[in-house]
Amino acid sequence: MKKSFLALALICLLPTMASAIDLSEDGTFKLTGFYNLTGAKVLSGSALSSSEPWVYQQWNCPCTIQGWEYASVYQKNKGFQVNQESLIGVQIKKDFTPTLSATAQLISRANNPNDGSRPTIDWAYATWTPSESSAWTFQAGKMRIPLYYYSDYLYIGYAYPWVRPAPDVYGWPIYAYNGANVSYRTQLGSSDWAATVQAYTGSYTQRNDAYDTKIYWTDPTHESWKNIVGATFAANNGVFDVRAMLMTYKDSLWQEDAAGTRNYLLQVQDQRTRIMGVSVNMDYKNWLVKAELDQYRQVDAAKALNNVYKYALFGVGYQYGAWTPMYTYSQYTTVNEPTEGRKTQYLSLRWDFRKNTALKLQYDVTKDKSHYSYPFFGDSKLLSISLQGIF
């Protein structure tokens, strides 16, 4: 990990960095931030019923993938690694009027094969409301696709109980969109339930993305999601939090020759694709329950395409003062052969030992359920520790 990244991380740990920073005297220009200093070690692993070391793509295994978007892979032969998921980010917001603002989020990652090690702009969008009390909100620019419950907070580790949301559920090659959305907030009758409905549209192209290139194809591979149209519904009553989402888009996956000619892979060219999901969370007294169920569907009989992924997680935790132990189970699988799949059990412990800061310890046991003739990532046992906070 580069010295500059370590220096930046240490700055974030200073006690004085405990609240939003005003960048202007009138308070209309603010900076907030977050950091994850994460290290992990693969304790053991095997593939195809053998504990002998193997190589998958460029990785020496036993190994385990914990971040699909940025190909964050831990390898047993490298010992305790802190350069796969550690990051620091800042959000900058400028209020031009009480109803118009602009927001940008920049993140510097220790591991960023998509854009190198330099800071990248994850968000850059404008927000407008018809009035200060309006239930309607309009946004346009670059934003995260709301594929999952924790989409907006995926890299803000302080926002969730684990070291990281379950990789079996969280991770696709495209994770942002350039476009617009509209949302409407309302109270559901005279009940305690408040709801938000959102619709969004846009597109995004990721060239030489880590997910496709490093995990599956080796040679530079590009992917584009066009004509994205999606909607989410979320409702909360202070105890239960439910969310449903549905999205369709046209997917293209290709490589290019020296002349720039496209070679589409797996016949995926402007292929209509659908992703849908539902999550139910409960926070009652000291009990925490997390559940999420999703499906990815790319089916075209004329092209013999039957790409269907099913993925889910379920977790139960209990808060004892500053301590939150939790058990979580997750899995994903494809319906076609050769099947790709994985099942993971997690034991995690969160310690909120000071304001805006949490220390987390996690033990993962992963079983590779893929039906490949070659060793994929395989089974693994991973021990992780992470210091996460906001400022």
Protein backbone atom coordinates (compact mmCIF):
# COMPACT_ATOMS: atom_id res chain seq x y z
CA MET A 1 0.00 0.00 0.00
CA LYS A 2 1.36 3.38 -0.96
CA LYS A 3 2.73 5.72 1.73
CA SER A 4 0.47 8.53 0.57
CA PHE A 5 -2.59 6.37 1.20
CA LEU A 6 -1.38 5.47 4.69
CA ALA A 7 -0.76 9.11 5.50
CA LEU A 8 -4.23 10.03 4.38
CA ALA A 9 -5.74 7.23 6.44
CA LEU A 10 -3.88 8.35 9.56
CA ILE A 11 -5.21 11.87 9.14
CA CYS A 12 -8.73 10.45 9.18
CA LEU A 13 -8.11 8.75 12.52
CA LEU A 14 -7.36 12.01 14.32
CA PRO A 15 -9.87 12.74 17.12
CA THR A 16 -10.46 16.25 15.81
CA MET A 17 -12.04 14.87 12.62
CA ALA A 18 -15.39 14.11 14.24
CA SER A 19 -17.97 16.13 12.29
CA ALA A 20 -18.72 17.72 8.95
CA ILE A 21 -16.27 20.39 7.90
CA ASP A 22 -17.58 23.80 6.77
CA LEU A 23 -15.75 24.94 3.67
CA SER A 24 -17.53 28.29 3.60
CA GLU A 25 -18.47 30.83 6.25
CA ASP A 26 -22.19 30.62 5.51
CA GLY A 27 -22.27 26.81 5.91
CA THR A 28 -23.49 26.15 2.37
CA PHE A 29 -20.32 24.28 1.37
CA LYS A 30 -19.57 21.19 3.47
CA LEU A 31 -17.25 18.20 3.45
CA THR A 32 -17.87 14.88 5.14
CA GLY A 33 -15.82 11.73 4.87
CA PHE A 34 -15.38 8.07 5.65
CA TYR A 35 -12.61 5.49 5.78
CA ASN A 36 -12.13 1.73 5.94
CA LEU A 37 -8.73 0.42 7.00
CA THR A 38 -9.22 -3.28 6.34
CA GLY A 39 -6.83 -6.20 6.58
CA ALA A 40 -7.46 -9.90 6.10
CA LYS A 41 -5.68 -13.24 5.91
CA VAL A 42 -6.68 -16.47 4.16
CA LEU A 43 -6.24 -19.17 6.79
CA SER A 44 -6.82 -22.17 4.53
CA GLY A 45 -8.45 -23.26 1.30
CA SER A 46 -8.95 -26.04 -1.24
CA ALA A 47 -10.36 -26.65 -4.71
CA LEU A 48 -11.77 -29.70 -6.47
CA SER A 49 -11.34 -31.70 -3.24
CA SER A 50 -7.61 -30.99 -3.10
CA SER A 51 -5.73 -28.82 -0.61
CA GLU A 52 -2.75 -28.48 -2.98
CA PRO A 53 -2.03 -24.87 -4.08
CA TRP A 54 -3.37 -23.83 -7.47
CA VAL A 55 -3.40 -20.81 -9.77
CA TYR A 56 -6.59 -19.11 -10.97
CA GLN A 57 -6.00 -16.32 -13.49
CA GLN A 58 -3.24 -14.16 -11.95
CA TRP A 59 -3.89 -15.25 -8.35
CA ASN A 60 -2.01 -17.83 -6.32
CA CYS A 61 -4.56 -19.83 -4.37
CA PRO A 62 -5.84 -20.75 -1.79
CA CYS A 63 -7.54 -17.39 -2.22
CA THR A 64 -10.90 -15.66 -1.82
CA ILE A 65 -12.63 -12.80 -3.62
CA GLN A 66 -14.21 -10.21 -1.36
CA GLY A 67 -14.88 -7.37 -3.80
CA TRP A 68 -16.14 -8.19 -7.29
CA GLU A 69 -16.36 -4.60 -8.53
CA TYR A 70 -12.65 -3.96 -7.96
CA ALA A 71 -11.40 -7.59 -7.97
CA SER A 72 -10.33 -7.50 -4.31
CA VAL A 73 -8.72 -10.92 -3.85
CA TYR A 74 -6.86 -12.21 -0.77
CA GLN A 75 -4.17 -14.85 -1.33
CA LYS A 76 -2.90 -17.18 1.37
CA ASN A 77 0.73 -16.95 0.27
CA LYS A 78 0.69 -13.17 0.80
CA GLY A 79 -0.21 -13.43 4.47
CA PHE A 80 -2.06 -10.54 6.12
CA GLN A 81 -3.04 -8.06 3.38
CA VAL A 82 -4.23 -4.48 3.89
CA ASN A 83 -4.15 -3.39 0.25
CA GLN A 84 -7.33 -4.96 -1.11
CA GLU A 85 -10.26 -3.09 0.47
CA SER A 86 -8.77 -0.16 2.41
CA LEU A 87 -10.05 3.20 1.23
CA ILE A 88 -10.80 6.77 2.15
CA GLY A 89 -13.58 8.89 0.71
CA VAL A 90 -15.01 12.38 0.95
CA GLN A 91 -18.38 13.81 0.02
CA ILE A 92 -18.57 17.48 -0.89
CA LYS A 93 -21.93 19.24 -1.00
CA LYS A 94 -22.67 22.78 -2.13
CA ASP A 95 -26.08 24.34 -1.45
CA PHE A 96 -26.77 27.01 -4.07
CA THR A 97 -30.28 27.69 -2.78
CA PRO A 98 -32.49 25.96 -0.18
CA THR A 99 -33.84 23.77 -3.01
CA LEU A 100 -30.80 23.30 -5.29
CA SER A 101 -27.51 21.58 -4.42
CA ALA A 102 -24.61 19.68 -5.98
CA THR A 103 -22.85 16.64 -4.48
CA ALA A 104 -19.62 14.87 -5.39
CA GLN A 105 -18.01 11.81 -3.81
CA LEU A 106 -14.31 11.05 -4.31
CA ILE A 107 -12.67 7.82 -3.18
CA SER A 108 -9.03 6.79 -3.04
CA ARG A 109 -8.65 3.02 -2.92
CA ALA A 110 -5.56 1.03 -2.08
CA ASN A 111 -6.69 -1.37 -4.83
CA ASN A 112 -8.33 0.20 -7.87
CA PRO A 113 -7.65 -1.73 -11.11
CA ASN A 114 -10.57 0.03 -12.81
CA ASP A 115 -9.00 3.49 -12.72
CA GLY A 116 -5.56 3.07 -11.22
CA SER A 117 -4.69 4.22 -7.73
CA ARG A 118 -5.70 7.84 -8.20
CA PRO A 119 -8.87 9.17 -6.51
CA THR A 120 -11.98 8.53 -8.58
CA ILE A 121 -15.27 10.39 -8.71
CA ASP A 122 -17.95 7.90 -7.70
CA TRP A 123 -20.74 10.48 -7.52
CA ALA A 124 -21.29 13.84 -9.19
CA TYR A 125 -24.91 14.94 -9.31
CA ALA A 126 -27.29 17.85 -8.76
CA THR A 127 -30.40 17.73 -6.55
CA TRP A 128 -33.47 19.92 -6.90
CA THR A 129 -36.77 20.08 -5.03
CA PRO A 130 -39.74 22.28 -6.03
CA SER A 131 -39.83 23.72 -2.49
CA GLU A 132 -38.13 23.17 0.86
CA SER A 133 -41.10 21.09 2.10
CA SER A 134 -41.76 19.27 -1.17
CA ALA A 135 -42.17 15.49 -1.17
CA TRP A 136 -40.60 15.37 -4.64
CA THR A 137 -36.86 15.22 -5.30
CA PHE A 138 -35.13 15.31 -8.68
CA GLN A 139 -31.49 14.35 -9.30
CA ALA A 140 -29.26 14.21 -12.39
CA GLY A 141 -25.63 13.27 -12.96
CA LYS A 142 -23.48 10.28 -12.03
CA MET A 143 -24.87 8.09 -9.22
CA ARG A 144 -24.72 4.54 -7.92
CA ILE A 145 -27.29 2.15 -9.35
CA PRO A 146 -29.65 1.21 -6.48
CA LEU A 147 -29.20 -2.52 -7.05
CA TYR A 148 -28.98 -3.45 -3.37
CA TYR A 149 -30.17 -2.27 0.02
CA TYR A 150 -26.73 -0.86 0.85
CA SER A 151 -25.95 0.48 -2.63
CA ASP A 152 -25.55 4.09 -1.51
CA TYR A 153 -23.42 3.06 1.49
CA LEU A 154 -21.48 0.14 0.03
CA TYR A 155 -18.10 1.72 0.75
CA ILE A 156 -19.11 3.47 3.98
CA GLY A 157 -18.35 0.55 6.27
CA TYR A 158 -19.54 2.38 9.37
CA ALA A 159 -23.12 2.16 8.00
CA TYR A 160 -23.48 -1.63 8.36
CA PRO A 161 -22.61 -4.33 10.93
CA TRP A 162 -20.15 -6.43 8.88
CA VAL A 163 -16.63 -5.76 7.66
CA ARG A 164 -18.24 -5.77 4.19
CA PRO A 165 -21.69 -6.67 2.82
CA ALA A 166 -21.81 -10.29 1.64
CA PRO A 167 -19.78 -10.60 -1.62
CA ASP A 168 -22.13 -13.41 -2.66
CA VAL A 169 -24.84 -10.76 -3.07
CA TYR A 170 -23.00 -7.47 -3.62
CA GLY A 171 -21.03 -7.10 -6.82
CA TRP A 172 -21.57 -6.55 -10.56
CA PRO A 173 -19.27 -5.08 -13.25
CA ILE A 174 -21.42 -1.93 -13.61
CA TYR A 175 -22.24 -0.09 -10.39
CA ALA A 176 -22.95 3.49 -11.49
CA TYR A 177 -25.10 5.25 -14.07
CA ASN A 178 -25.14 8.59 -15.82
CA GLY A 179 -28.74 9.71 -15.85
CA ALA A 180 -31.55 11.04 -13.72
CA ASN A 181 -34.01 9.95 -11.05
CA VAL A 182 -37.12 11.23 -9.34
CA SER A 183 -38.36 10.21 -5.89
CA TYR A 184 -41.51 10.84 -3.88
CA ARG A 185 -41.82 10.56 -0.09
CA THR A 186 -45.12 10.03 1.67
CA GLN A 187 -46.71 8.84 4.89
CA LEU A 188 -48.87 5.75 4.44
CA GLY A 189 -52.20 6.94 5.76
CA SER A 190 -52.33 7.43 9.53
CA SER A 191 -49.89 4.56 10.13
CA ASP A 192 -46.31 4.71 11.38
CA TRP A 193 -45.06 3.74 7.93
CA ALA A 194 -43.22 6.23 5.74
CA ALA A 195 -42.48 5.30 2.13
CA THR A 196 -40.28 6.49 -0.72
CA VAL A 197 -40.82 5.60 -4.38
CA GLN A 198 -38.01 6.23 -6.86
CA ALA A 199 -37.71 5.86 -10.63
CA TYR A 200 -34.43 6.22 -12.53
CA THR A 201 -32.97 5.94 -16.01
CA GLY A 202 -29.55 6.22 -17.64
CA SER A 203 -26.58 4.23 -18.94
CA TYR A 204 -22.93 3.48 -18.23
CA THR A 205 -19.92 1.97 -20.00
CA GLN A 206 -16.96 0.53 -18.08
CA ARG A 207 -13.92 -0.14 -20.25
CA ASN A 208 -11.38 -2.76 -19.19
CA ASP A 209 -13.35 -3.33 -16.01
CA ALA A 210 -11.79 -5.44 -13.26
CA TYR A 211 -14.80 -7.74 -12.90
CA ASP A 212 -14.77 -8.98 -16.51
CA THR A 213 -11.07 -8.63 -17.31
CA LYS A 214 -9.39 -9.93 -14.15
CA ILE A 215 -11.93 -12.45 -12.89
CA TYR A 216 -13.13 -14.07 -16.12
CA TRP A 217 -11.46 -13.11 -19.44
CA THR A 218 -7.85 -12.00 -18.69
CA ASP A 219 -7.66 -9.83 -21.86
CA PRO A 220 -9.08 -6.27 -21.62
CA THR A 221 -12.86 -6.65 -21.61
CA HIS A 222 -15.50 -3.93 -21.75
CA GLU A 223 -19.14 -3.85 -20.68
CA SER A 224 -21.98 -1.43 -21.25
CA TRP A 225 -25.42 -1.16 -19.65
CA LYS A 226 -27.65 1.01 -21.85
CA ASN A 227 -31.30 2.07 -21.62
CA ILE A 228 -31.41 1.48 -17.87
CA VAL A 229 -34.94 1.84 -16.50
CA GLY A 230 -35.61 1.01 -12.87
CA ALA A 231 -37.75 1.66 -9.83
CA THR A 232 -37.49 1.12 -6.08
CA PHE A 233 -40.03 1.14 -3.27
CA ALA A 234 -38.91 1.50 0.34
CA ALA A 235 -40.97 1.70 3.54
CA ASN A 236 -39.98 2.03 7.20
CA ASN A 237 -41.91 2.18 10.47
CA GLY A 238 -38.97 2.47 12.87
CA VAL A 239 -38.76 -1.29 13.43
CA PHE A 240 -39.12 -2.87 10.01
CA ASP A 241 -37.50 -1.61 6.83
CA VAL A 242 -38.62 -3.18 3.53
CA ARG A 243 -37.40 -2.46 0.03
CA ALA A 244 -38.17 -3.79 -3.46
CA MET A 245 -36.44 -3.00 -6.75
CA LEU A 246 -36.84 -3.86 -10.43
CA MET A 247 -34.53 -2.79 -13.24
CA THR A 248 -34.07 -3.61 -16.93
CA TYR A 249 -31.31 -2.62 -19.33
CA LYS A 250 -29.48 -3.62 -22.53
CA ASP A 251 -26.18 -5.37 -21.83
CA SER A 252 -23.17 -5.55 -24.15
CA LEU A 253 -19.92 -7.42 -23.43
CA TRP A 254 -16.96 -7.22 -25.81
CA GLN A 255 -13.26 -7.15 -26.53
CA GLU A 256 -11.50 -5.13 -29.23
CA ASP A 257 -8.73 -5.93 -31.69
CA ALA A 258 -5.89 -3.56 -32.60
CA ALA A 259 -8.13 -1.80 -35.12
CA GLY A 260 -10.84 -1.21 -32.54
CA THR A 261 -13.25 -3.75 -34.02
CA ARG A 262 -15.59 -5.18 -31.42
CA ASN A 263 -15.80 -8.91 -30.75
CA TYR A 264 -18.93 -9.50 -28.68
CA LEU A 265 -18.58 -12.25 -26.09
CA LEU A 266 -21.16 -14.95 -25.31
CA GLN A 267 -23.48 -13.30 -27.88
CA VAL A 268 -24.19 -10.52 -25.40
CA GLN A 269 -24.91 -7.50 -27.59
CA ASP A 270 -27.68 -5.10 -26.53
CA GLN A 271 -29.14 -8.03 -24.64
CA ARG A 272 -32.22 -7.22 -22.59
CA THR A 273 -31.50 -8.04 -18.96
CA ARG A 274 -33.50 -7.81 -15.73
CA ILE A 275 -32.49 -7.55 -12.10
CA MET A 276 -35.02 -7.62 -9.26
CA GLY A 277 -34.75 -7.90 -5.51
CA VAL A 278 -36.38 -7.49 -2.14
CA SER A 279 -34.93 -6.84 1.30
CA VAL A 280 -36.46 -6.95 4.78
CA ASN A 281 -34.60 -5.63 7.82
CA MET A 282 -35.63 -5.45 11.44
CA ASP A 283 -34.14 -3.37 14.26
CA TYR A 284 -36.16 -4.16 17.41
CA LYS A 285 -34.83 -3.38 20.84
CA ASN A 286 -31.38 -5.01 20.72
CA TRP A 287 -32.10 -7.46 17.90
CA LEU A 288 -30.96 -7.00 14.30
CA VAL A 289 -32.24 -9.06 11.36
CA LYS A 290 -30.96 -8.56 7.80
CA ALA A 291 -32.40 -10.34 4.76
CA GLU A 292 -31.98 -9.73 1.02
CA LEU A 293 -33.05 -11.81 -1.98
CA ASP A 294 -32.19 -10.94 -5.60
CA GLN A 295 -32.29 -12.41 -9.10
CA TYR A 296 -30.38 -11.54 -12.29
CA ARG A 297 -32.05 -12.77 -15.48
CA GLN A 298 -30.62 -12.68 -19.01
CA VAL A 299 -32.56 -15.19 -21.09
CA ASP A 300 -32.78 -15.39 -24.89
CA ALA A 301 -33.80 -18.73 -26.40
CA ALA A 302 -32.76 -17.66 -29.90
CA LYS A 303 -29.19 -17.13 -28.68
CA ALA A 304 -29.26 -20.09 -26.29
CA LEU A 305 -28.73 -17.63 -23.41
CA ASN A 306 -29.91 -18.76 -19.99
CA ASN A 307 -27.94 -16.58 -17.61
CA VAL A 308 -29.90 -16.60 -14.38
CA TYR A 309 -28.26 -15.82 -11.03
CA LYS A 310 -30.01 -16.19 -7.69
CA TYR A 311 -28.36 -14.64 -4.64
CA ALA A 312 -29.44 -14.02 -1.04
CA LEU A 313 -28.29 -13.27 2.49
CA PHE A 314 -29.77 -13.67 5.97
CA GLY A 315 -28.25 -12.44 9.20
CA VAL A 316 -29.16 -12.17 12.89
CA GLY A 317 -27.37 -10.03 15.44
CA TYR A 318 -27.76 -8.72 18.98
CA GLN A 319 -26.39 -5.49 20.42
CA TYR A 320 -24.80 -5.60 23.88
CA GLY A 321 -23.98 -2.00 24.59
CA ALA A 322 -21.09 -1.11 22.26
CA TRP A 323 -20.77 -4.72 21.01
CA THR A 324 -22.76 -6.28 18.13
CA PRO A 325 -22.09 -9.97 17.39
CA MET A 326 -23.80 -11.36 14.29
CA TYR A 327 -24.24 -14.56 12.31
CA THR A 328 -24.88 -14.26 8.55
CA TYR A 329 -25.40 -16.76 5.75
CA SER A 330 -25.23 -15.93 2.04
CA GLN A 331 -25.19 -17.76 -1.28
CA TYR A 332 -25.35 -17.31 -5.02
CA THR A 333 -25.79 -19.77 -7.85
CA THR A 334 -26.48 -19.90 -11.58
CA VAL A 335 -29.21 -22.13 -12.95
CA ASN A 336 -27.34 -23.28 -16.07
CA GLU A 337 -24.40 -25.62 -16.45
CA PRO A 338 -21.57 -25.29 -15.85
CA THR A 339 -22.98 -23.88 -12.62
CA GLU A 340 -21.14 -21.16 -10.76
CA GLY A 341 -22.02 -20.88 -7.09
CA ARG A 342 -20.85 -20.15 -3.59
CA LYS A 343 -22.14 -20.47 -0.02
CA THR A 344 -20.66 -18.53 2.90
CA GLN A 345 -21.17 -18.36 6.65
CA TYR A 346 -19.94 -15.32 8.57
CA LEU A 347 -19.32 -14.62 12.24
CA SER A 348 -18.82 -10.90 12.79
CA LEU A 349 -18.27 -8.69 15.82
CA ARG A 350 -18.61 -4.91 15.78
CA TRP A 351 -17.25 -2.75 18.60
CA ASP A 352 -18.31 0.91 18.67
CA PHE A 353 -15.49 1.93 20.99
CA ARG A 354 -15.71 5.65 20.26
CA LYS A 355 -17.94 8.18 18.52
CA ASN A 356 -18.14 7.73 14.74
CA THR A 357 -15.63 4.85 14.86
CA ALA A 358 -16.08 1.08 14.87
CA LEU A 359 -13.64 -1.82 15.01
CA LYS A 360 -14.85 -5.03 13.34
CA LEU A 361 -13.65 -8.61 13.39
CA GLN A 362 -15.04 -11.22 10.99
CA TYR A 363 -14.52 -14.91 10.22
CA ASP A 364 -15.80 -16.26 6.89
CA VAL A 365 -16.14 -19.88 5.81
CA THR A 366 -16.78 -20.13 2.07
CA LYS A 367 -17.71 -23.21 0.03
CA ASP A 368 -17.25 -23.07 -3.74
CA LYS A 369 -20.25 -24.78 -5.38
CA SER A 370 -19.16 -24.16 -8.98
CA HIS A 371 -19.24 -27.05 -11.47
CA TYR A 372 -16.12 -26.14 -13.42
CA SER A 373 -13.56 -28.61 -14.76
CA TYR A 374 -10.80 -26.31 -13.46
CA PRO A 375 -10.29 -24.88 -9.97
CA PHE A 376 -12.16 -21.59 -9.52
CA PHE A 377 -11.68 -19.56 -6.30
CA GLY A 378 -12.34 -22.69 -4.23
CA ASP A 379 -13.23 -23.13 -0.57
CA SER A 380 -11.63 -20.77 1.92
CA LYS A 381 -11.49 -19.56 5.49
CA LEU A 382 -10.82 -15.84 5.92
CA LEU A 383 -10.13 -13.75 9.01
CA SER A 384 -10.70 -9.98 8.62
CA ILE A 385 -10.26 -6.95 10.86
CA SER A 386 -11.31 -3.43 9.94
CA LEU A 387 -11.27 0.02 11.48
CA GLN A 388 -14.12 2.04 9.97
CA GLY A 389 -15.41 5.51 10.64
CA ILE A 390 -16.98 8.73 9.43
CA PHE A 391 -16.00 12.36 9.86
